[in-house]
Structure formats: structure tokens, C-alpha cells
Amino acid sequence: MTQSLESSAGISDDFAEEAYFNAICTPCIQELDYLVQRASTMTSEISGDDLVEGVHYYLENGLMVFTELYHLAKGYCCKSGCRHCAYGYKIEI
């Protein structure tokens, strides 16, 4: 009998079905699920004061790169071709 991820790891089956988590430990999956659920309940755009490095963005060559969680919290696609677009938008070259 296979136990669902929801009961064994405390995460939703919907999240588990969409996640690529074969190499991620259970506590990491739980944290990611928590962050995604939290972002999905945000109703307004997050401000600069709300941003957490390593959660909403990371620095690369001195520039801020926004994470998928940030884009989910933002609530819409800006159609700028962001590296971690949560809405699947890609700029065709």
C-alpha cells in the first residue's frame, strides 16, 4: 500500500504532483509547500520591505534575480521574460 505524500510528508498531493522533488529531502519539500501556500494567499504586491534574500530573490553578479515564489506573490506576469517566471512566459528570440 502506497502512502500519499500528504500524509507522509505533510504536503498537499497537488503540490507533490507538480514538483520535481526526487533529490529534495522531506523538510525541504514541506518548507517549499509552505512558501507556495503562503504566496498564493497574498492579495497585494509585496513591497521592498517584505523581500527576503534567498526566498524572494538572490544576488547574481550584483543584480537581484527574483524567484518563482516572488513572482507568485506578485500575482501577475509582467511579460519581461523573467528567468523564474511562475506563469510560463518566455520571450521568443
Foldseek 3Di string as FASTA:
>chain_A
DDDQCCVVLVADNVLVVPDPDPPPDSVVSVVVRVLQVVLQPQDAQDDPVPDDDPRQWHDDPNDTQGACSNQSNNPDDPLPQRPHDVVPRHDDD
